Amino acid sequence: MKKSLIAIAVSSVVFTSIAQASDDSYVDAYGNIQLVYHNSDLSDGGSESEITDNGSTFGFKGESRINNDLTGFFKY
């Protein structure tokens, strides 16, 4: 897991620096947060509650004009 996070961070920096080097390019961050609030009544009269992740996502997308006829894009 640690290696995956490092790889994501490094590749994100590379994509951002490539896009920033060109005038005809952009990089956007996008995401979707899905949280669940769960409350349970316990048998001793108390209650228990928690907030958990229910499939949140995030990513980067962008494009860069290579020449007048060709545009490269990515979604990561």
C-alpha atoms as a PDB file:
ATOM      1  CA  MET A   1       0.000   0.000   0.000  1.00  0.00           C
ATOM      2  CA  LYS A   2       2.812   2.388   0.862  1.00  0.00           C
ATOM      3  CA  LYS A   3       4.482   1.813  -2.526  1.00  0.00           C
ATOM      4  CA  SER A   4       1.176   2.492  -4.310  1.00  0.00           C
ATOM      5  CA  LEU A   5       0.759   5.834  -2.555  1.00  0.00           C
ATOM      6  CA  ILE A   6       4.313   6.832  -3.422  1.00  0.00           C
ATOM      7  CA  ALA A   7       3.748   5.861  -7.066  1.00  0.00           C
ATOM      8  CA  ILE A   8       0.524   7.892  -7.194  1.00  0.00           C
ATOM      9  CA  ALA A   9       2.230  10.931  -5.682  1.00  0.00           C
ATOM     10  CA  VAL A  10       5.200  10.771  -8.060  1.00  0.00           C
ATOM     11  CA  SER A  11       3.081  10.280 -11.171  1.00  0.00           C
ATOM     12  CA  SER A  12       0.753  13.104 -10.120  1.00  0.00           C
ATOM     13  CA  VAL A  13       3.702  15.469  -9.830  1.00  0.00           C
ATOM     14  CA  VAL A  14       4.943  14.375 -13.261  1.00  0.00           C
ATOM     15  CA  PHE A  15       1.534  14.929 -14.881  1.00  0.00           C
ATOM     16  CA  THR A  16       1.188  18.329 -13.247  1.00  0.00           C
ATOM     17  CA  SER A  17       4.667  19.489 -14.263  1.00  0.00           C
ATOM     18  CA  ILE A  18       4.139  18.365 -17.869  1.00  0.00           C
ATOM     19  CA  ALA A  19       0.844  20.207 -18.051  1.00  0.00           C
ATOM     20  CA  GLN A  20       2.262  23.351 -16.464  1.00  0.00           C
ATOM     21  CA  ALA A  21       5.133  23.429 -18.976  1.00  0.00           C
ATOM     22  CA  SER A  22       2.792  24.017 -21.900  1.00  0.00           C
ATOM     23  CA  ASP A  23       0.529  27.028 -22.453  1.00  0.00           C
ATOM     24  CA  ASP A  24      -2.208  24.916 -24.110  1.00  0.00           C
ATOM     25  CA  SER A  25      -2.737  22.455 -21.283  1.00  0.00           C
ATOM     26  CA  TYR A  26      -4.563  22.066 -18.015  1.00  0.00           C
ATOM     27  CA  VAL A  27      -4.855  19.712 -15.034  1.00  0.00           C
ATOM     28  CA  ASP A  28      -7.997  19.414 -12.907  1.00  0.00           C
ATOM     29  CA  ALA A  29      -8.610  17.532  -9.691  1.00  0.00           C
ATOM     30  CA  TYR A  30     -11.984  15.895  -9.210  1.00  0.00           C
ATOM     31  CA  GLY A  31     -13.612  13.816  -6.549  1.00  0.00           C
ATOM     32  CA  ASN A  32     -16.669  12.345  -4.942  1.00  0.00           C
ATOM     33  CA  ILE A  33     -17.086  12.055  -1.179  1.00  0.00           C
ATOM     34  CA  GLN A  34     -19.512   9.412   0.086  1.00  0.00           C
ATOM     35  CA  LEU A  35     -19.837   9.144   3.854  1.00  0.00           C
ATOM     36  CA  VAL A  36     -22.217   6.982   5.885  1.00  0.00           C
ATOM     37  CA  TYR A  37     -23.431   7.831   9.382  1.00  0.00           C
ATOM     38  CA  HIS A  38     -24.526   4.738  11.326  1.00  0.00           C
ATOM     39  CA  ASN A  39     -26.213   4.884  14.742  1.00  0.00           C
ATOM     40  CA  SER A  40     -27.091   1.717  16.700  1.00  0.00           C
ATOM     41  CA  ASP A  41     -28.978   1.276  19.950  1.00  0.00           C
ATOM     42  CA  LEU A  42     -27.171  -1.097  22.312  1.00  0.00           C
ATOM     43  CA  SER A  43     -28.843  -3.640  24.612  1.00  0.00           C
ATOM     44  CA  ASP A  44     -27.596  -1.821  27.733  1.00  0.00           C
ATOM     45  CA  GLY A  45     -29.531   1.334  26.803  1.00  0.00           C
ATOM     46  CA  GLY A  46     -26.638   3.213  25.243  1.00  0.00           C
ATOM     47  CA  SER A  47     -25.971   3.928  21.619  1.00  0.00           C
ATOM     48  CA  GLU A  48     -23.042   3.617  19.271  1.00  0.00           C
ATOM     49  CA  SER A  49     -22.415   5.779  16.214  1.00  0.00           C
ATOM     50  CA  GLU A  50     -19.743   5.964  13.548  1.00  0.00           C
ATOM     51  CA  ILE A  51     -18.968   7.691  10.262  1.00  0.00           C
ATOM     52  CA  THR A  52     -17.424   5.507   7.556  1.00  0.00           C
ATOM     53  CA  ASP A  53     -16.332   5.887   3.952  1.00  0.00           C
ATOM     54  CA  ASN A  54     -18.735   4.425   1.397  1.00  0.00           C
ATOM     55  CA  GLY A  55     -16.615   4.513  -1.761  1.00  0.00           C
ATOM     56  CA  SER A  56     -15.178   8.012  -2.021  1.00  0.00           C
ATOM     57  CA  THR A  57     -13.023   8.659  -5.091  1.00  0.00           C
ATOM     58  CA  PHE A  58     -10.576  11.290  -6.307  1.00  0.00           C
ATOM     59  CA  GLY A  59      -8.401  11.775  -9.336  1.00  0.00           C
ATOM     60  CA  PHE A  60      -6.729  14.065 -11.820  1.00  0.00           C
ATOM     61  CA  LYS A  61      -7.592  14.736 -15.434  1.00  0.00           C
ATOM     62  CA  GLY A  62      -6.036  16.970 -18.008  1.00  0.00           C
ATOM     63  CA  GLU A  63      -5.058  17.579 -21.578  1.00  0.00           C
ATOM     64  CA  SER A  64      -2.207  19.107 -23.494  1.00  0.00           C
ATOM     65  CA  ARG A  65      -2.056  20.297 -27.082  1.00  0.00           C
ATOM     66  CA  ILE A  66       0.859  18.565 -28.792  1.00  0.00           C
ATOM     67  CA  ASN A  67       0.398  20.353 -32.112  1.00  0.00           C
ATOM     68  CA  ASN A  68      -2.529  21.893 -34.042  1.00  0.00           C
ATOM     69  CA  ASP A  69      -3.890  18.483 -35.068  1.00  0.00           C
ATOM     70  CA  LEU A  70      -3.123  16.418 -31.963  1.00  0.00           C
ATOM     71  CA  THR A  71      -4.166  16.702 -28.319  1.00  0.00           C
ATOM     72  CA  GLY A  72      -3.104  14.299 -25.588  1.00  0.00           C
ATOM     73  CA  PHE A  73      -5.229  13.692 -22.512  1.00  0.00           C
ATOM     74  CA  PHE A  74      -5.178  11.633 -19.324  1.00  0.00           C
ATOM     75  CA  LYS A  75      -7.476  10.656 -16.497  1.00  0.00           C
ATOM     76  CA  TYR A  76      -5.768   9.257 -13.450  1.00  0.00           C
END
